[in-house]
Amino acid sequence: MSAEEKVLEAMRNAGQPLGAGKIVELTGLDKKEVDKAMKSLKESGSIVSPKRCMWEPAK
């Protein structure tokens, strides 16, 4: 499972918007890996930000 898949899965399972720090806790990935995965997911439109510094999967 790629870092992007792990980040998306953690977001879906949480059922609420998450910050990068919480995603690091939930996935066990390194902060740099999470930041890189989130950047990729943002660019592809897979995640959206309902409020500042919080992210969730796009509908």
PDB file of N, CA and C in Angstrom:
ATOM      1  N   MET A   1       0.844  -1.178   0.000  1.00  0.00           N
ATOM      2  CA  MET A   1       0.000   0.000   0.000  1.00  0.00           C
ATOM      3  C   MET A   1       0.893   1.247   0.000  1.00  0.00           C
ATOM      4  N   SER A   2       0.596   2.162  -0.904  1.00  0.00           N
ATOM      5  CA  SER A   2       1.411   3.374  -1.011  1.00  0.00           C
ATOM      6  C   SER A   2       1.082   4.342   0.132  1.00  0.00           C
ATOM      7  N   ALA A   3       1.930   5.324   0.314  1.00  0.00           N
ATOM      8  CA  ALA A   3       1.707   6.339   1.349  1.00  0.00           C
ATOM      9  C   ALA A   3       0.404   7.085   1.077  1.00  0.00           C
ATOM     10  N   GLU A   4       0.128   7.376  -0.208  1.00  0.00           N
ATOM     11  CA  GLU A   4      -1.117   8.067  -0.563  1.00  0.00           C
ATOM     12  C   GLU A   4      -2.333   7.247  -0.146  1.00  0.00           C
ATOM     13  N   GLU A   5      -2.290   5.941  -0.408  1.00  0.00           N
ATOM     14  CA  GLU A   5      -3.407   5.063  -0.040  1.00  0.00           C
ATOM     15  C   GLU A   5      -3.591   5.011   1.473  1.00  0.00           C
ATOM     16  N   LYS A   6      -2.476   4.959   2.211  1.00  0.00           N
ATOM     17  CA  LYS A   6      -2.549   4.920   3.671  1.00  0.00           C
ATOM     18  C   LYS A   6      -3.157   6.214   4.221  1.00  0.00           C
ATOM     19  N   VAL A   7      -2.754   7.352   3.645  1.00  0.00           N
ATOM     20  CA  VAL A   7      -3.287   8.643   4.087  1.00  0.00           C
ATOM     21  C   VAL A   7      -4.784   8.716   3.812  1.00  0.00           C
ATOM     22  N   LEU A   8      -5.199   8.326   2.612  1.00  0.00           N
ATOM     23  CA  LEU A   8      -6.622   8.355   2.275  1.00  0.00           C
ATOM     24  C   LEU A   8      -7.421   7.415   3.167  1.00  0.00           C
ATOM     25  N   GLU A   9      -6.906   6.230   3.424  1.00  0.00           N
ATOM     26  CA  GLU A   9      -7.596   5.268   4.276  1.00  0.00           C
ATOM     27  C   GLU A   9      -7.766   5.825   5.690  1.00  0.00           C
ATOM     28  N   ALA A  10      -6.718   6.438   6.225  1.00  0.00           N
ATOM     29  CA  ALA A  10      -6.794   7.026   7.565  1.00  0.00           C
ATOM     30  C   ALA A  10      -7.857   8.121   7.608  1.00  0.00           C
ATOM     31  N   MET A  11      -7.923   8.932   6.561  1.00  0.00           N
ATOM     32  CA  MET A  11      -8.926  10.008   6.494  1.00  0.00           C
ATOM     33  C   MET A  11     -10.337   9.433   6.442  1.00  0.00           C
ATOM     34  N   ARG A  12     -10.535   8.413   5.611  1.00  0.00           N
ATOM     35  CA  ARG A  12     -11.860   7.795   5.494  1.00  0.00           C
ATOM     36  C   ARG A  12     -12.283   7.165   6.819  1.00  0.00           C
ATOM     37  N   ASN A  13     -11.369   6.456   7.476  1.00  0.00           N
ATOM     38  CA  ASN A  13     -11.687   5.777   8.729  1.00  0.00           C
ATOM     39  C   ASN A  13     -11.976   6.758   9.865  1.00  0.00           C
ATOM     40  N   ALA A  14     -11.344   7.922   9.832  1.00  0.00           N
ATOM     41  CA  ALA A  14     -11.534   8.914  10.897  1.00  0.00           C
ATOM     42  C   ALA A  14     -12.932   9.520  10.839  1.00  0.00           C
ATOM     43  N   GLY A  15     -13.469   9.688   9.634  1.00  0.00           N
ATOM     44  CA  GLY A  15     -14.802  10.256   9.486  1.00  0.00           C
ATOM     45  C   GLY A  15     -14.886  11.737   9.805  1.00  0.00           C
ATOM     46  N   GLN A  16     -13.750  12.384   9.901  1.00  0.00           N
ATOM     47  CA  GLN A  16     -13.710  13.829  10.152  1.00  0.00           C
ATOM     48  C   GLN A  16     -12.424  14.384   9.556  1.00  0.00           C
ATOM     49  N   PRO A  17     -12.377  15.691   9.302  1.00  0.00           N
ATOM     50  CA  PRO A  17     -11.150  16.283   8.761  1.00  0.00           C
ATOM     51  C   PRO A  17      -9.977  16.096   9.721  1.00  0.00           C
ATOM     52  N   LEU A  18      -8.801  15.835   9.145  1.00  0.00           N
ATOM     53  CA  LEU A  18      -7.602  15.594   9.942  1.00  0.00           C
ATOM     54  C   LEU A  18      -6.473  16.528   9.542  1.00  0.00           C
ATOM     55  N   GLY A  19      -5.634  16.844  10.507  1.00  0.00           N
ATOM     56  CA  GLY A  19      -4.407  17.577  10.242  1.00  0.00           C
ATOM     57  C   GLY A  19      -3.281  16.593   9.979  1.00  0.00           C
ATOM     58  N   ALA A  20      -2.184  17.067   9.437  1.00  0.00           N
ATOM     59  CA  ALA A  20      -1.051  16.201   9.096  1.00  0.00           C
ATOM     60  C   ALA A  20      -0.508  15.460  10.312  1.00  0.00           C
ATOM     61  N   GLY A  21      -0.448  16.119  11.458  1.00  0.00           N
ATOM     62  CA  GLY A  21       0.073  15.489  12.668  1.00  0.00           C
ATOM     63  C   GLY A  21      -0.743  14.272  13.081  1.00  0.00           C
ATOM     64  N   LYS A  22      -2.059  14.390  12.980  1.00  0.00           N
ATOM     65  CA  LYS A  22      -2.936  13.274  13.340  1.00  0.00           C
ATOM     66  C   LYS A  22      -2.781  12.135  12.334  1.00  0.00           C
ATOM     67  N   ILE A  23      -2.590  12.470  11.067  1.00  0.00           N
ATOM     68  CA  ILE A  23      -2.393  11.445  10.040  1.00  0.00           C
ATOM     69  C   ILE A  23      -1.095  10.684  10.305  1.00  0.00           C
ATOM     70  N   VAL A  24      -0.056  11.395  10.725  1.00  0.00           N
ATOM     71  CA  VAL A  24       1.211  10.745  11.086  1.00  0.00           C
ATOM     72  C   VAL A  24       0.960   9.731  12.201  1.00  0.00           C
ATOM     73  N   GLU A  25       0.198  10.132  13.231  1.00  0.00           N
ATOM     74  CA  GLU A  25      -0.124   9.231  14.351  1.00  0.00           C
ATOM     75  C   GLU A  25      -0.886   7.994  13.873  1.00  0.00           C
ATOM     76  N   LEU A  26      -1.893   8.214  13.039  1.00  0.00           N
ATOM     77  CA  LEU A  26      -2.767   7.116  12.622  1.00  0.00           C
ATOM     78  C   LEU A  26      -2.098   6.137  11.666  1.00  0.00           C
ATOM     79  N   THR A  27      -1.221   6.647  10.798  1.00  0.00           N
ATOM     80  CA  THR A  27      -0.621   5.781   9.776  1.00  0.00           C
ATOM     81  C   THR A  27       0.717   5.201  10.187  1.00  0.00           C
ATOM     82  N   GLY A  28       1.414   5.870  11.103  1.00  0.00           N
ATOM     83  CA  GLY A  28       2.748   5.425  11.474  1.00  0.00           C
ATOM     84  C   GLY A  28       3.803   5.810  10.448  1.00  0.00           C
ATOM     85  N   LEU A  29       3.416   6.618   9.472  1.00  0.00           N
ATOM     86  CA  LEU A  29       4.362   7.080   8.458  1.00  0.00           C
ATOM     87  C   LEU A  29       5.176   8.249   9.000  1.00  0.00           C
ATOM     88  N   ASP A  30       6.302   8.509   8.369  1.00  0.00           N
ATOM     89  CA  ASP A  30       7.138   9.653   8.695  1.00  0.00           C
ATOM     90  C   ASP A  30       6.432  10.934   8.241  1.00  0.00           C
ATOM     91  N   LYS A  31       6.639  12.037   8.964  1.00  0.00           N
ATOM     92  CA  LYS A  31       5.996  13.320   8.622  1.00  0.00           C
ATOM     93  C   LYS A  31       6.292  13.733   7.185  1.00  0.00           C
ATOM     94  N   LYS A  32       7.538  13.535   6.737  1.00  0.00           N
ATOM     95  CA  LYS A  32       7.891  13.901   5.359  1.00  0.00           C
ATOM     96  C   LYS A  32       7.111  13.070   4.350  1.00  0.00           C
ATOM     97  N   GLU A  33       6.930  11.779   4.640  1.00  0.00           N
ATOM     98  CA  GLU A  33       6.151  10.917   3.744  1.00  0.00           C
ATOM     99  C   GLU A  33       4.700  11.378   3.668  1.00  0.00           C
ATOM    100  N   VAL A  34       4.126  11.721   4.816  1.00  0.00           N
ATOM    101  CA  VAL A  34       2.737  12.192   4.857  1.00  0.00           C
ATOM    102  C   VAL A  34       2.609  13.498   4.080  1.00  0.00           C
ATOM    103  N   ASP A  35       3.539  14.446   4.286  1.00  0.00           N
ATOM    104  CA  ASP A  35       3.492  15.717   3.566  1.00  0.00           C
ATOM    105  C   ASP A  35       3.571  15.501   2.059  1.00  0.00           C
ATOM    106  N   LYS A  36       4.458  14.611   1.622  1.00  0.00           N
ATOM    107  CA  LYS A  36       4.610  14.320   0.195  1.00  0.00           C
ATOM    108  C   LYS A  36       3.340  13.677  -0.361  1.00  0.00           C
ATOM    109  N   ALA A  37       2.771  12.736   0.368  1.00  0.00           N
ATOM    110  CA  ALA A  37       1.548  12.060  -0.068  1.00  0.00           C
ATOM    111  C   ALA A  37       0.395  13.055  -0.145  1.00  0.00           C
ATOM    112  N   MET A  38       0.282  13.924   0.856  1.00  0.00           N
ATOM    113  CA  MET A  38      -0.805  14.911   0.856  1.00  0.00           C
ATOM    114  C   MET A  38      -0.646  15.902  -0.289  1.00  0.00           C
ATOM    115  N   LYS A  39       0.575  16.295  -0.600  1.00  0.00           N
ATOM    116  CA  LYS A  39       0.812  17.202  -1.725  1.00  0.00           C
ATOM    117  C   LYS A  39       0.328  16.557  -3.023  1.00  0.00           C
ATOM    118  N   SER A  40       0.652  15.300  -3.202  1.00  0.00           N
ATOM    119  CA  SER A  40       0.225  14.566  -4.390  1.00  0.00           C
ATOM    120  C   SER A  40      -1.298  14.444  -4.438  1.00  0.00           C
ATOM    121  N   LEU A  41      -1.916  14.135  -3.303  1.00  0.00           N
ATOM    122  CA  LEU A  41      -3.372  13.981  -3.243  1.00  0.00           C
ATOM    123  C   LEU A  41      -4.075  15.317  -3.487  1.00  0.00           C
ATOM    124  N   LYS A  42      -3.500  16.412  -2.998  1.00  0.00           N
ATOM    125  CA  LYS A  42      -4.077  17.746  -3.235  1.00  0.00           C
ATOM    126  C   LYS A  42      -4.055  18.064  -4.724  1.00  0.00           C
ATOM    127  N   GLU A  43      -2.907  17.799  -5.364  1.00  0.00           N
ATOM    128  CA  GLU A  43      -2.751  18.110  -6.787  1.00  0.00           C
ATOM    129  C   GLU A  43      -3.717  17.302  -7.652  1.00  0.00           C
ATOM    130  N   SER A  44      -4.008  16.066  -7.241  1.00  0.00           N
ATOM    131  CA  SER A  44      -4.912  15.219  -8.027  1.00  0.00           C
ATOM    132  C   SER A  44      -6.382  15.474  -7.681  1.00  0.00           C
ATOM    133  N   GLY A  45      -6.627  16.283  -6.655  1.00  0.00           N
ATOM    134  CA  GLY A  45      -7.998  16.587  -6.264  1.00  0.00           C
ATOM    135  C   GLY A  45      -8.638  15.490  -5.413  1.00  0.00           C
ATOM    136  N   SER A  46      -7.833  14.589  -4.866  1.00  0.00           N
ATOM    137  CA  SER A  46      -8.359  13.483  -4.061  1.00  0.00           C
ATOM    138  C   SER A  46      -8.739  13.897  -2.641  1.00  0.00           C
ATOM    139  N   ILE A  47      -8.121  14.987  -2.156  1.00  0.00           N
ATOM    140  CA  ILE A  47      -8.473  15.491  -0.832  1.00  0.00           C
ATOM    141  C   ILE A  47      -8.799  16.977  -0.920  1.00  0.00           C
ATOM    142  N   VAL A  48      -9.647  17.427  -0.004  1.00  0.00           N
ATOM    143  CA  VAL A  48     -10.053  18.836   0.043  1.00  0.00           C
ATOM    144  C   VAL A  48      -9.917  19.340   1.468  1.00  0.00           C
ATOM    145  N   SER A  49      -9.845  20.647   1.610  1.00  0.00           N
ATOM    146  CA  SER A  49      -9.685  21.261   2.929  1.00  0.00           C
ATOM    147  C   SER A  49     -10.959  22.009   3.306  1.00  0.00           C
ATOM    148  N   PRO A  50     -11.761  21.442   4.238  1.00  0.00           N
ATOM    149  CA  PRO A  50     -12.967  22.138   4.670  1.00  0.00           C
ATOM    150  C   PRO A  50     -12.670  23.327   5.580  1.00  0.00           C
ATOM    151  N   LYS A  51     -11.528  23.281   6.263  1.00  0.00           N
ATOM    152  CA  LYS A  51     -11.071  24.416   7.059  1.00  0.00           C
ATOM    153  C   LYS A  51      -9.550  24.380   7.110  1.00  0.00           C
ATOM    154  N   ARG A  52      -8.970  25.500   7.473  1.00  0.00           N
ATOM    155  CA  ARG A  52      -7.515  25.676   7.413  1.00  0.00           C
ATOM    156  C   ARG A  52      -6.754  24.551   8.120  1.00  0.00           C
ATOM    157  N   CYS A  53      -5.795  23.967   7.405  1.00  0.00           N
ATOM    158  CA  CYS A  53      -4.898  22.924   7.926  1.00  0.00           C
ATOM    159  C   CYS A  53      -5.592  21.608   8.250  1.00  0.00           C
ATOM    160  N   MET A  54      -6.812  21.436   7.800  1.00  0.00           N
ATOM    161  CA  MET A  54      -7.537  20.189   8.008  1.00  0.00           C
ATOM    162  C   MET A  54      -7.930  19.643   6.637  1.00  0.00           C
ATOM    163  N   TRP A  55      -7.830  18.320   6.492  1.00  0.00           N
ATOM    164  CA  TRP A  55      -8.064  17.706   5.186  1.00  0.00           C
ATOM    165  C   TRP A  55      -8.987  16.506   5.304  1.00  0.00           C
ATOM    166  N   GLU A  56      -9.738  16.249   4.225  1.00  0.00           N
ATOM    167  CA  GLU A  56     -10.608  15.084   4.152  1.00  0.00           C
ATOM    168  C   GLU A  56     -10.686  14.626   2.708  1.00  0.00           C
ATOM    169  N   PRO A  57     -11.100  13.373   2.477  1.00  0.00           N
ATOM    170  CA  PRO A  57     -11.226  12.900   1.093  1.00  0.00           C
ATOM    171  C   PRO A  57     -12.270  13.723   0.335  1.00  0.00           C
ATOM    172  N   ALA A  58     -12.029  13.951  -0.928  1.00  0.00           N
ATOM    173  CA  ALA A  58     -13.000  14.647  -1.767  1.00  0.00           C
ATOM    174  C   ALA A  58     -14.236  13.766  -1.921  1.00  0.00           C
ATOM    175  N   LYS A  59     -15.377  14.378  -2.049  1.00  0.00           N
ATOM    176  CA  LYS A  59     -16.641  13.635  -2.188  1.00  0.00           C
ATOM    177  C   LYS A  59     -16.764  13.031  -3.564  1.00  0.00           C
TER     178      LYS A  59
END
